[in-house]
């Protein structure tokens, strides 16, 4: 499974969220390839799930991509809950 963390420039915030995603997946016992990128690149990069702030990630919602929008990118509990809801529950 591939998870792509998306932010406007693909720099600081997406890297921090990538680290948090890896930590949360470890706690949930889920293995995945996690990386980060900017919004423009993410439109051409295939992934099973795309994670980012609501205002950015909705730009990727084309009806086919599985997006995971977050209100607060740095809230570890929100991230873990979202991963559990979208990956564990939806599978």
C-alpha atoms as a PDB file:
ATOM      1  CA  UNK A   1       0.000   0.000   0.000  1.00  0.00           C
ATOM      2  CA  UNK A   2       1.245   3.472  -0.852  1.00  0.00           C
ATOM      3  CA  UNK A   3       0.257   6.596   1.077  1.00  0.00           C
ATOM      4  CA  UNK A   4       1.146  10.034  -0.212  1.00  0.00           C
ATOM      5  CA  UNK A   5       1.165  13.037   2.127  1.00  0.00           C
ATOM      6  CA  UNK A   6       0.374  16.198   0.179  1.00  0.00           C
ATOM      7  CA  UNK A   7       0.935  19.871   0.974  1.00  0.00           C
ATOM      8  CA  UNK A   8       1.173  23.047  -1.063  1.00  0.00           C
ATOM      9  CA  UNK A   9       4.943  23.003  -1.556  1.00  0.00           C
ATOM     10  CA  UNK A  10       5.846  19.447  -0.526  1.00  0.00           C
ATOM     11  CA  UNK A  11       8.358  20.644   2.042  1.00  0.00           C
ATOM     12  CA  UNK A  12       8.112  21.069   5.814  1.00  0.00           C
ATOM     13  CA  UNK A  13       4.541  20.314   6.792  1.00  0.00           C
ATOM     14  CA  UNK A  14       4.187  17.260   4.568  1.00  0.00           C
ATOM     15  CA  UNK A  15       7.467  15.839   5.881  1.00  0.00           C
ATOM     16  CA  UNK A  16       6.287  16.231   9.487  1.00  0.00           C
ATOM     17  CA  UNK A  17       2.949  14.633   8.645  1.00  0.00           C
ATOM     18  CA  UNK A  18       4.778  11.798   6.839  1.00  0.00           C
ATOM     19  CA  UNK A  19       6.686  11.026  10.047  1.00  0.00           C
ATOM     20  CA  UNK A  20       3.427  11.141  12.038  1.00  0.00           C
ATOM     21  CA  UNK A  21       1.699   8.847   9.530  1.00  0.00           C
ATOM     22  CA  UNK A  22       4.507   6.301   9.854  1.00  0.00           C
ATOM     23  CA  UNK A  23       4.237   6.441  13.646  1.00  0.00           C
ATOM     24  CA  UNK A  24       0.444   6.049  13.610  1.00  0.00           C
ATOM     25  CA  UNK A  25       0.580   3.167  11.116  1.00  0.00           C
ATOM     26  CA  UNK A  26       3.115   1.425  13.343  1.00  0.00           C
ATOM     27  CA  UNK A  27       0.769   1.784  16.313  1.00  0.00           C
ATOM     28  CA  UNK A  28      -2.081   0.384  14.212  1.00  0.00           C
ATOM     29  CA  UNK A  29       0.062  -2.493  12.936  1.00  0.00           C
ATOM     30  CA  UNK A  30      -0.287  -1.425   9.300  1.00  0.00           C
ATOM     31  CA  UNK A  31       2.583  -1.592   6.817  1.00  0.00           C
ATOM     32  CA  UNK A  32       2.729   0.985   4.032  1.00  0.00           C
ATOM     33  CA  UNK A  33       5.117   2.926   1.854  1.00  0.00           C
ATOM     34  CA  UNK A  34       4.700   6.558   2.943  1.00  0.00           C
ATOM     35  CA  UNK A  35       6.151   9.574   1.169  1.00  0.00           C
ATOM     36  CA  UNK A  36       5.392  13.273   0.778  1.00  0.00           C
ATOM     37  CA  UNK A  37       5.071  15.645  -2.157  1.00  0.00           C
ATOM     38  CA  UNK A  38       3.549  18.892  -3.365  1.00  0.00           C
ATOM     39  CA  UNK A  39       0.023  19.238  -4.760  1.00  0.00           C
ATOM     40  CA  UNK A  40       1.032  19.556  -8.430  1.00  0.00           C
ATOM     41  CA  UNK A  41       3.200  16.418  -8.360  1.00  0.00           C
ATOM     42  CA  UNK A  42       0.593  14.438  -6.422  1.00  0.00           C
ATOM     43  CA  UNK A  43      -1.856  14.805  -9.304  1.00  0.00           C
ATOM     44  CA  UNK A  44       0.360  12.571 -11.443  1.00  0.00           C
ATOM     45  CA  UNK A  45       1.729  10.249  -8.766  1.00  0.00           C
ATOM     46  CA  UNK A  46      -0.265   7.066  -8.094  1.00  0.00           C
ATOM     47  CA  UNK A  47      -1.023   6.106  -4.494  1.00  0.00           C
ATOM     48  CA  UNK A  48      -3.623   4.098  -2.609  1.00  0.00           C
ATOM     49  CA  UNK A  49      -4.363   7.002  -0.258  1.00  0.00           C
ATOM     50  CA  UNK A  50      -3.663  10.740  -0.320  1.00  0.00           C
ATOM     51  CA  UNK A  51      -3.498  12.613   3.000  1.00  0.00           C
ATOM     52  CA  UNK A  52      -3.467  16.368   3.521  1.00  0.00           C
ATOM     53  CA  UNK A  53      -5.272  19.377   4.915  1.00  0.00           C
ATOM     54  CA  UNK A  54      -8.893  19.720   3.816  1.00  0.00           C
ATOM     55  CA  UNK A  55      -8.270  22.873   1.781  1.00  0.00           C
ATOM     56  CA  UNK A  56      -5.538  21.222  -0.296  1.00  0.00           C
ATOM     57  CA  UNK A  57      -6.490  17.553  -0.501  1.00  0.00           C
ATOM     58  CA  UNK A  58      -9.961  18.225  -1.908  1.00  0.00           C
ATOM     59  CA  UNK A  59      -8.190  19.385  -5.107  1.00  0.00           C
ATOM     60  CA  UNK A  60      -7.309  15.726  -5.676  1.00  0.00           C
ATOM     61  CA  UNK A  61     -10.849  14.410  -5.192  1.00  0.00           C
ATOM     62  CA  UNK A  62     -11.729  13.213  -8.670  1.00  0.00           C
ATOM     63  CA  UNK A  63     -14.076  10.452  -7.562  1.00  0.00           C
ATOM     64  CA  UNK A  64     -11.395   7.784  -8.029  1.00  0.00           C
ATOM     65  CA  UNK A  65      -8.667   8.752  -5.574  1.00  0.00           C
ATOM     66  CA  UNK A  66      -9.029   7.837  -1.927  1.00  0.00           C
ATOM     67  CA  UNK A  67      -8.359  11.027  -0.014  1.00  0.00           C
ATOM     68  CA  UNK A  68      -8.022  11.485   3.734  1.00  0.00           C
ATOM     69  CA  UNK A  69      -8.671  15.130   4.663  1.00  0.00           C
ATOM     70  CA  UNK A  70      -7.398  16.464   7.983  1.00  0.00           C
ATOM     71  CA  UNK A  71      -8.523  19.551   9.885  1.00  0.00           C
ATOM     72  CA  UNK A  72      -5.305  19.846  11.911  1.00  0.00           C
ATOM     73  CA  UNK A  73      -2.257  18.337  10.212  1.00  0.00           C
ATOM     74  CA  UNK A  74      -0.316  18.165  13.474  1.00  0.00           C
ATOM     75  CA  UNK A  75      -3.004  16.506  15.593  1.00  0.00           C
ATOM     76  CA  UNK A  76      -1.669  12.975  16.060  1.00  0.00           C
ATOM     77  CA  UNK A  77      -4.974  11.621  17.388  1.00  0.00           C
ATOM     78  CA  UNK A  78      -6.972  13.022  14.457  1.00  0.00           C
ATOM     79  CA  UNK A  79      -4.461  11.489  12.071  1.00  0.00           C
ATOM     80  CA  UNK A  80      -4.583   8.089  13.754  1.00  0.00           C
ATOM     81  CA  UNK A  81      -8.397   8.139  13.847  1.00  0.00           C
ATOM     82  CA  UNK A  82      -8.542   9.096  10.152  1.00  0.00           C
ATOM     83  CA  UNK A  83      -6.133   6.328   9.169  1.00  0.00           C
ATOM     84  CA  UNK A  84      -8.105   3.815  11.175  1.00  0.00           C
ATOM     85  CA  UNK A  85     -11.394   4.959   9.643  1.00  0.00           C
ATOM     86  CA  UNK A  86     -10.216   5.013   6.040  1.00  0.00           C
ATOM     87  CA  UNK A  87      -7.671   2.198   5.890  1.00  0.00           C
ATOM     88  CA  UNK A  88      -8.751  -0.290   8.540  1.00  0.00           C
ATOM     89  CA  UNK A  89     -12.526   0.160   8.194  1.00  0.00           C
ATOM     90  CA  UNK A  90     -12.777   0.689   4.433  1.00  0.00           C
ATOM     91  CA  UNK A  91      -9.822  -1.571   3.658  1.00  0.00           C
END
